[in-house]
Amino acid sequence: MYKVFVNEKKLLLSKHPEELEKKLRYESYMTLEIGLDLLENTSVKELNIFGENIDEIWQEFQKMFRIIEAAGGVVNNPEGKILFIRRLGKWDLPKGKMEKGESREESAVREIEEETGLRDVELVQFINTTYHIYIERNGDKILKCTHWFEMNFNGEDTSKPQIEEGITEVAWKNISQIENEVFPSTFQNIKLIVKEFWDSKK
């Protein structure tokens, strides 16, 4: 199963039909084009495209886009707080595009250290990959795949925002701050990965 966000609307690609607002059985490439059109140009908020051969559907779907891979992390401190950045008025987790020759892990650590000013962040384990679609100024359709890792930080807090990347704030948030301040002002993918991280700790 693949969850992809299109302008914060949910597209679910699955083997079996799911209980979402709208469902389409996968017939061909055209099904994907119709599905995207519905999410981009109508009031439909969530859509499920389903078919037995999920790998084939996913491969066909990826062909519609230029793929950009990124990596980032859910950074914890000993008090159980998570590190967030604020960019363009939204709360976000530190992440960025992978550079040529980098592993996902190397990229995640580098991006966190660059965007937040922290040093010696410890990588723990892979959490999951999230997907979202956007259109660049030149009209290119992008499928961004972000690989997320759990990280620990137990050193001196040297955090400071990377202003040149449009980041205005770096802040540690506890569970209640995340639910009341971060979630109302963040992206669906970020909520998804934070909740997945919390679930893994239960």
Protein backbone atom coordinates (compact mmCIF):
# COMPACT_ATOMS: atom_id res chain seq x y z
CA MET A 1 0.00 0.00 0.00
CA TYR A 2 1.25 3.51 -0.87
CA LYS A 3 -0.05 6.78 0.57
CA VAL A 4 0.69 9.82 -1.57
CA PHE A 5 -0.36 13.37 -0.74
CA VAL A 6 -1.51 15.64 -3.56
CA ASN A 7 -1.98 19.21 -2.29
CA GLU A 8 -2.59 17.72 1.18
CA LYS A 9 -5.27 15.38 -0.25
CA LYS A 10 -4.77 11.64 0.17
CA LEU A 11 -4.24 9.19 -2.67
CA LEU A 12 -4.08 5.57 -1.55
CA LEU A 13 -2.76 2.91 -3.94
CA SER A 14 -3.71 -0.53 -2.62
CA LYS A 15 -4.39 -4.16 -3.57
CA HIS A 16 -7.91 -4.18 -2.17
CA PRO A 17 -10.55 -1.42 -2.02
CA GLU A 18 -10.32 0.82 1.06
CA GLU A 19 -13.11 2.79 2.70
CA LEU A 20 -12.29 6.21 1.29
CA GLU A 21 -14.48 8.96 -0.16
CA LYS A 22 -13.88 7.78 -3.75
CA LYS A 23 -12.61 4.48 -5.20
CA LEU A 24 -11.36 3.56 -8.67
CA ARG A 25 -10.42 0.07 -9.83
CA TYR A 26 -7.09 0.17 -11.69
CA GLU A 27 -7.62 -0.59 -15.38
CA SER A 28 -4.69 1.16 -17.04
CA TYR A 29 -2.42 4.20 -16.91
CA MET A 30 -5.56 6.27 -17.63
CA THR A 31 -6.98 5.34 -14.21
CA LEU A 32 -4.02 7.10 -12.56
CA GLU A 33 -4.46 10.20 -14.74
CA ILE A 34 -8.19 10.35 -13.92
CA GLY A 35 -7.44 9.89 -10.20
CA LEU A 36 -4.89 12.70 -10.13
CA ASP A 37 -7.21 14.98 -12.07
CA LEU A 38 -9.99 14.37 -9.51
CA LEU A 39 -7.68 15.26 -6.60
CA GLU A 40 -6.16 18.29 -8.31
CA ASN A 41 -9.30 19.81 -9.87
CA THR A 42 -12.35 18.76 -7.84
CA SER A 43 -13.49 18.84 -4.22
CA VAL A 44 -12.59 15.14 -3.70
CA LYS A 45 -10.40 14.98 -0.55
CA GLU A 46 -9.33 11.32 -0.63
CA LEU A 47 -9.15 8.69 -3.33
CA ASN A 48 -8.30 5.01 -3.46
CA ILE A 49 -6.99 3.34 -6.63
CA PHE A 50 -6.89 -0.41 -6.16
CA GLY A 51 -5.76 -3.42 -8.16
CA GLU A 52 -4.19 -6.83 -7.59
CA ASN A 53 -0.76 -5.98 -8.96
CA ILE A 54 0.24 -3.16 -6.63
CA ASP A 55 3.89 -3.20 -7.79
CA GLU A 56 2.87 -2.65 -11.40
CA ILE A 57 0.50 0.17 -10.39
CA TRP A 58 3.25 1.85 -8.38
CA GLN A 59 5.74 1.57 -11.28
CA GLU A 60 3.22 3.08 -13.71
CA PHE A 61 2.46 5.85 -11.20
CA GLN A 62 6.14 6.75 -10.78
CA LYS A 63 6.53 7.14 -14.56
CA MET A 64 4.21 10.15 -14.42
CA PHE A 65 6.73 12.19 -12.42
CA ARG A 66 10.30 13.29 -12.00
CA ILE A 67 11.36 11.63 -8.75
CA ILE A 68 13.27 13.51 -6.06
CA GLU A 69 14.60 11.60 -3.07
CA ALA A 70 15.05 13.27 0.29
CA ALA A 71 15.87 12.16 3.83
CA GLY A 72 15.18 13.51 7.29
CA GLY A 73 14.57 12.60 10.86
CA VAL A 74 12.46 12.56 13.97
CA VAL A 75 15.05 13.76 16.50
CA ASN A 76 14.35 12.94 20.18
CA ASN A 77 16.06 14.30 23.25
CA PRO A 78 16.26 12.64 26.72
CA GLU A 79 13.12 14.53 27.85
CA GLY A 80 11.10 12.87 25.09
CA LYS A 81 10.74 16.05 23.04
CA ILE A 82 10.95 16.12 19.23
CA LEU A 83 12.86 18.70 17.19
CA PHE A 84 10.86 20.78 14.69
CA ILE A 85 11.74 23.57 12.30
CA ARG A 86 9.47 26.39 11.15
CA ARG A 87 9.59 27.30 7.47
CA LEU A 88 7.19 29.46 5.44
CA GLY A 89 4.85 29.69 8.43
CA LYS A 90 4.53 25.90 8.82
CA TRP A 91 6.06 23.48 11.32
CA ASP A 92 8.12 20.77 9.68
CA LEU A 93 10.68 18.08 10.49
CA PRO A 94 14.25 18.68 9.31
CA LYS A 95 14.86 17.05 5.93
CA GLY A 96 16.33 17.74 2.52
CA LYS A 97 17.31 16.40 -0.87
CA MET A 98 19.82 13.57 -1.02
CA GLU A 99 23.11 14.41 -2.71
CA LYS A 100 24.73 12.24 -5.33
CA GLY A 101 26.60 9.29 -3.81
CA GLU A 102 25.04 9.70 -0.36
CA SER A 103 23.21 6.93 1.45
CA ARG A 104 19.78 7.74 2.90
CA GLU A 105 21.28 7.61 6.40
CA GLU A 106 24.15 9.99 5.56
CA SER A 107 21.75 12.39 3.90
CA ALA A 108 19.34 12.39 6.87
CA VAL A 109 22.10 13.18 9.38
CA ARG A 110 23.67 15.87 7.15
CA GLU A 111 20.35 17.62 6.52
CA ILE A 112 19.41 17.63 10.21
CA GLU A 113 22.77 19.07 11.22
CA GLU A 114 22.65 21.72 8.46
CA GLU A 115 19.06 22.83 9.07
CA THR A 116 19.11 22.83 12.87
CA GLY A 117 22.74 23.55 13.81
CA LEU A 118 22.97 20.43 16.00
CA ARG A 119 26.07 18.22 15.98
CA ASP A 120 26.58 14.52 16.79
CA VAL A 121 23.02 13.42 16.09
CA GLU A 122 22.78 9.65 16.56
CA LEU A 123 20.89 7.66 13.93
CA VAL A 124 18.76 4.90 15.49
CA GLN A 125 16.60 3.24 12.82
CA PHE A 126 14.53 3.73 9.67
CA ILE A 127 10.87 4.68 10.28
CA ASN A 128 9.22 4.87 6.86
CA THR A 129 9.08 6.69 3.51
CA THR A 130 6.45 9.35 2.75
CA TYR A 131 5.38 10.58 -0.68
CA HIS A 132 3.96 13.83 -1.93
CA ILE A 133 3.43 15.48 -5.29
CA TYR A 134 4.02 19.07 -6.29
CA ILE A 135 4.55 21.07 -9.47
CA GLU A 136 7.70 23.12 -9.99
CA ARG A 137 7.61 26.62 -11.51
CA ASN A 138 8.70 25.20 -14.87
CA GLY A 139 5.66 22.89 -14.88
CA ASP A 140 7.54 19.68 -13.99
CA LYS A 141 5.49 17.27 -11.90
CA ILE A 142 7.56 15.99 -8.98
CA LEU A 143 7.05 12.92 -6.79
CA LYS A 144 9.07 13.55 -3.66
CA CYS A 145 10.04 10.45 -1.67
CA THR A 146 11.28 11.31 1.82
CA HIS A 147 13.00 8.59 3.86
CA TRP A 148 12.58 9.17 7.61
CA PHE A 149 14.81 7.96 10.44
CA GLU A 150 14.52 7.96 14.20
CA MET A 151 17.39 9.94 15.74
CA ASN A 152 18.61 10.61 19.27
CA PHE A 153 20.31 13.74 20.51
CA ASN A 154 21.95 13.95 23.90
CA GLY A 155 24.60 16.65 23.46
CA GLU A 156 24.88 20.39 23.98
CA ASP A 157 21.91 22.17 22.38
CA THR A 158 23.53 24.34 19.69
CA SER A 159 20.32 24.52 17.64
CA LYS A 160 19.85 27.52 15.37
CA PRO A 161 17.77 27.90 12.21
CA GLN A 162 19.41 27.76 8.77
CA ILE A 163 18.08 31.16 7.67
CA GLU A 164 19.30 30.83 4.07
CA GLU A 165 16.98 27.82 3.66
CA GLY A 166 13.99 29.89 4.82
CA ILE A 167 13.95 28.36 8.31
CA THR A 168 12.92 30.90 10.95
CA GLU A 169 12.84 28.76 14.11
CA VAL A 170 14.13 25.51 15.59
CA ALA A 171 12.24 24.23 18.63
CA TRP A 172 11.92 21.14 20.83
CA LYS A 173 8.25 20.24 21.36
CA ASN A 174 6.62 17.90 23.86
CA ILE A 175 3.57 15.74 23.05
CA SER A 176 0.97 18.33 24.05
CA GLN A 177 2.76 21.12 22.13
CA ILE A 178 2.95 18.85 19.08
CA GLU A 179 -0.78 18.09 19.23
CA ASN A 180 -1.87 21.68 19.95
CA GLU A 181 0.70 23.82 18.10
CA VAL A 182 2.44 21.69 15.48
CA PHE A 183 -0.35 19.47 14.09
CA PRO A 184 -2.75 22.36 13.27
CA SER A 185 0.06 24.04 11.29
CA THR A 186 1.94 21.27 9.50
CA PHE A 187 1.65 18.86 6.56
CA GLN A 188 -0.23 15.54 6.45
CA ASN A 189 3.02 13.64 5.82
CA ILE A 190 4.57 15.10 8.98
CA LYS A 191 1.56 14.09 11.10
CA LEU A 192 1.76 10.63 9.58
CA ILE A 193 5.44 10.08 10.39
CA VAL A 194 5.22 11.54 13.94
CA LYS A 195 2.24 9.30 14.75
CA GLU A 196 4.06 6.30 13.30
CA PHE A 197 7.08 7.14 15.48
CA TRP A 198 4.84 7.43 18.58
CA ASP A 199 3.14 4.12 17.79
CA SER A 200 6.54 2.40 17.60
CA LYS A 201 7.28 3.56 21.17
CA LYS A 202 4.06 2.19 22.72
